[in-house]
N, C-alpha and C. Protein backbone atom coordinates (compact mmCIF):
# COMPACT_ATOMS: atom_id res chain seq x y z
N MET A 1 76.13 147.15 211.07
CA MET A 1 75.15 147.89 211.85
C MET A 1 75.62 149.33 212.00
N SER A 2 74.68 150.26 211.94
CA SER A 2 75.06 151.67 212.02
C SER A 2 75.03 152.15 213.47
N VAL A 3 75.71 153.24 213.69
CA VAL A 3 75.78 153.82 215.03
C VAL A 3 74.44 154.47 215.37
N GLN A 4 73.95 154.17 216.55
CA GLN A 4 72.71 154.75 217.05
C GLN A 4 73.04 155.94 217.94
N GLU A 5 72.09 156.86 218.04
CA GLU A 5 72.19 157.94 219.01
C GLU A 5 70.84 158.05 219.69
N LEU A 6 70.82 157.80 220.99
CA LEU A 6 69.60 157.86 221.78
C LEU A 6 69.72 159.01 222.77
N SER A 7 68.63 159.76 222.96
CA SER A 7 68.64 160.89 223.89
C SER A 7 67.57 160.71 224.95
N TYR A 8 67.91 161.10 226.18
CA TYR A 8 66.99 160.98 227.30
C TYR A 8 67.05 162.24 228.13
N THR A 9 65.91 162.68 228.63
CA THR A 9 65.86 163.76 229.60
C THR A 9 65.81 163.09 230.97
N VAL A 10 66.77 163.45 231.82
CA VAL A 10 66.90 162.81 233.13
C VAL A 10 66.78 163.88 234.21
N SER A 11 65.64 163.88 234.89
CA SER A 11 65.44 164.89 235.93
C SER A 11 66.12 164.48 237.23
N GLY A 12 66.43 165.48 238.04
CA GLY A 12 67.00 165.22 239.36
C GLY A 12 68.51 165.32 239.44
N MET A 13 69.19 165.36 238.31
CA MET A 13 70.65 165.48 238.33
C MET A 13 71.01 166.93 238.68
N SER A 14 71.95 167.10 239.63
CA SER A 14 72.27 168.47 240.02
C SER A 14 73.75 168.72 240.27
N CYS A 15 74.60 167.68 240.13
CA CYS A 15 76.02 167.89 240.44
C CYS A 15 76.91 166.95 239.64
N ALA A 16 78.20 167.12 239.80
CA ALA A 16 79.16 166.29 239.08
C ALA A 16 79.03 164.82 239.48
N HIS A 17 78.69 164.56 240.73
CA HIS A 17 78.50 163.18 241.18
C HIS A 17 77.34 162.54 240.42
N CYS A 18 76.27 163.29 240.20
CA CYS A 18 75.11 162.79 239.44
C CYS A 18 75.55 162.40 238.03
N THR A 19 76.30 163.29 237.41
CA THR A 19 76.79 163.06 236.05
C THR A 19 77.64 161.80 236.00
N ALA A 20 78.54 161.65 236.97
CA ALA A 20 79.43 160.49 237.01
C ALA A 20 78.64 159.20 237.23
N ALA A 21 77.65 159.24 238.12
CA ALA A 21 76.87 158.05 238.42
C ALA A 21 76.10 157.57 237.19
N VAL A 22 75.47 158.49 236.48
CA VAL A 22 74.72 158.13 235.28
C VAL A 22 75.66 157.63 234.20
N THR A 23 76.76 158.33 233.99
CA THR A 23 77.73 157.93 232.97
C THR A 23 78.27 156.53 233.25
N GLU A 24 78.65 156.27 234.48
CA GLU A 24 79.22 154.98 234.86
C GLU A 24 78.24 153.83 234.61
N GLU A 25 76.99 154.02 234.99
CA GLU A 25 75.99 152.96 234.80
C GLU A 25 75.69 152.72 233.32
N VAL A 26 75.51 153.81 232.56
CA VAL A 26 75.13 153.68 231.15
C VAL A 26 76.28 153.10 230.33
N GLU A 27 77.53 153.44 230.68
CA GLU A 27 78.68 152.91 229.94
C GLU A 27 78.76 151.38 230.00
N GLN A 28 78.13 150.78 231.01
CA GLN A 28 78.17 149.34 231.17
C GLN A 28 77.14 148.62 230.29
N VAL A 29 76.23 149.36 229.66
CA VAL A 29 75.21 148.75 228.81
C VAL A 29 75.87 148.24 227.53
N SER A 30 75.50 147.04 227.14
CA SER A 30 76.05 146.41 225.94
C SER A 30 75.82 147.29 224.71
N GLY A 31 76.89 147.50 223.94
CA GLY A 31 76.80 148.27 222.70
C GLY A 31 77.10 149.75 222.84
N VAL A 32 77.11 150.26 224.06
CA VAL A 32 77.35 151.69 224.28
C VAL A 32 78.83 152.01 224.08
N SER A 33 79.11 153.01 223.24
CA SER A 33 80.49 153.42 223.01
C SER A 33 80.78 154.81 223.56
N ALA A 34 79.72 155.62 223.78
CA ALA A 34 79.92 156.97 224.31
C ALA A 34 78.67 157.43 225.05
N VAL A 35 78.91 158.18 226.14
CA VAL A 35 77.82 158.76 226.93
C VAL A 35 78.17 160.21 227.18
N GLU A 36 77.24 161.11 226.87
CA GLU A 36 77.42 162.53 227.17
C GLU A 36 76.29 162.97 228.07
N VAL A 37 76.62 163.60 229.18
CA VAL A 37 75.61 164.09 230.11
C VAL A 37 75.75 165.60 230.21
N ASP A 38 74.66 166.32 229.89
CA ASP A 38 74.65 167.77 230.02
C ASP A 38 73.81 168.10 231.25
N LEU A 39 74.48 168.48 232.31
CA LEU A 39 73.83 168.74 233.59
C LEU A 39 72.82 169.88 233.50
N GLU A 40 73.16 170.92 232.77
CA GLU A 40 72.29 172.09 232.68
C GLU A 40 70.96 171.77 232.00
N SER A 41 71.00 171.03 230.88
CA SER A 41 69.77 170.71 230.15
C SER A 41 69.15 169.39 230.61
N LYS A 42 69.86 168.66 231.49
CA LYS A 42 69.42 167.34 231.99
C LYS A 42 69.33 166.31 230.86
N LEU A 43 70.13 166.50 229.83
CA LEU A 43 70.09 165.63 228.66
C LEU A 43 71.23 164.61 228.70
N VAL A 44 70.87 163.35 228.45
CA VAL A 44 71.85 162.28 228.36
C VAL A 44 71.79 161.74 226.93
N VAL A 45 72.92 161.78 226.22
CA VAL A 45 73.01 161.28 224.86
C VAL A 45 73.90 160.05 224.87
N VAL A 46 73.38 158.96 224.30
CA VAL A 46 74.09 157.69 224.30
C VAL A 46 74.35 157.29 222.85
N ARG A 47 75.59 156.90 222.54
CA ARG A 47 75.94 156.47 221.19
C ARG A 47 76.52 155.06 221.23
N GLY A 48 76.28 154.30 220.17
CA GLY A 48 76.82 152.96 220.07
C GLY A 48 76.07 152.14 219.04
N GLU A 49 76.30 150.84 219.06
CA GLU A 49 75.65 149.94 218.11
C GLU A 49 74.86 148.87 218.86
N GLY A 50 73.63 148.64 218.41
CA GLY A 50 72.81 147.60 219.00
C GLY A 50 72.41 147.87 220.44
N ILE A 51 72.18 149.13 220.77
CA ILE A 51 71.84 149.51 222.14
C ILE A 51 70.35 149.25 222.38
N ALA A 52 70.04 148.61 223.49
CA ALA A 52 68.65 148.38 223.88
C ALA A 52 68.17 149.55 224.74
N ASP A 53 67.11 150.21 224.27
CA ASP A 53 66.54 151.34 224.99
C ASP A 53 66.20 150.96 226.43
N ASP A 54 65.59 149.81 226.63
CA ASP A 54 65.21 149.37 227.97
C ASP A 54 66.43 149.23 228.88
N ALA A 55 67.54 148.76 228.33
CA ALA A 55 68.76 148.58 229.12
C ALA A 55 69.33 149.93 229.56
N VAL A 56 69.26 150.92 228.68
CA VAL A 56 69.75 152.26 229.04
C VAL A 56 68.86 152.86 230.12
N ARG A 57 67.55 152.74 229.96
CA ARG A 57 66.62 153.27 230.96
C ARG A 57 66.84 152.59 232.33
N GLU A 58 67.09 151.28 232.31
CA GLU A 58 67.35 150.55 233.55
C GLU A 58 68.66 151.02 234.20
N ALA A 59 69.68 151.27 233.38
CA ALA A 59 70.97 151.77 233.90
C ALA A 59 70.78 153.12 234.55
N ILE A 60 69.98 153.98 233.96
CA ILE A 60 69.70 155.30 234.53
C ILE A 60 68.96 155.13 235.85
N ARG A 61 68.02 154.19 235.91
CA ARG A 61 67.31 153.90 237.17
C ARG A 61 68.30 153.39 238.24
N GLU A 62 69.23 152.55 237.82
CA GLU A 62 70.24 152.02 238.76
C GLU A 62 71.08 153.15 239.37
N ALA A 63 71.28 154.21 238.58
CA ALA A 63 72.04 155.37 239.07
C ALA A 63 71.18 156.24 239.99
N GLY A 64 69.87 155.96 240.05
CA GLY A 64 68.99 156.70 240.95
C GLY A 64 68.13 157.76 240.30
N TYR A 65 67.97 157.67 238.98
CA TYR A 65 67.21 158.70 238.26
C TYR A 65 66.21 158.05 237.31
N GLU A 66 65.30 158.87 236.79
CA GLU A 66 64.32 158.40 235.82
C GLU A 66 64.55 159.09 234.49
N ALA A 67 64.47 158.31 233.41
CA ALA A 67 64.65 158.87 232.07
C ALA A 67 63.31 159.11 231.43
N ALA A 68 63.16 160.25 230.79
CA ALA A 68 61.94 160.57 230.06
C ALA A 68 62.22 160.50 228.57
């Protein structure tokens, strides 16, 4: 299986705590090997194998944000 890269725009993030919360939740999703959060652009990039889009979106919701 090849490595996937999924990108999400996540509004509402404004500080390092926001970044940490999103990163922590998304890292727990099965198949995720890397999470990058750019606070300025509100972009979350997720890399890994066999990642379920719905699971990543749910993890972002668990952190208190919505993914577009």
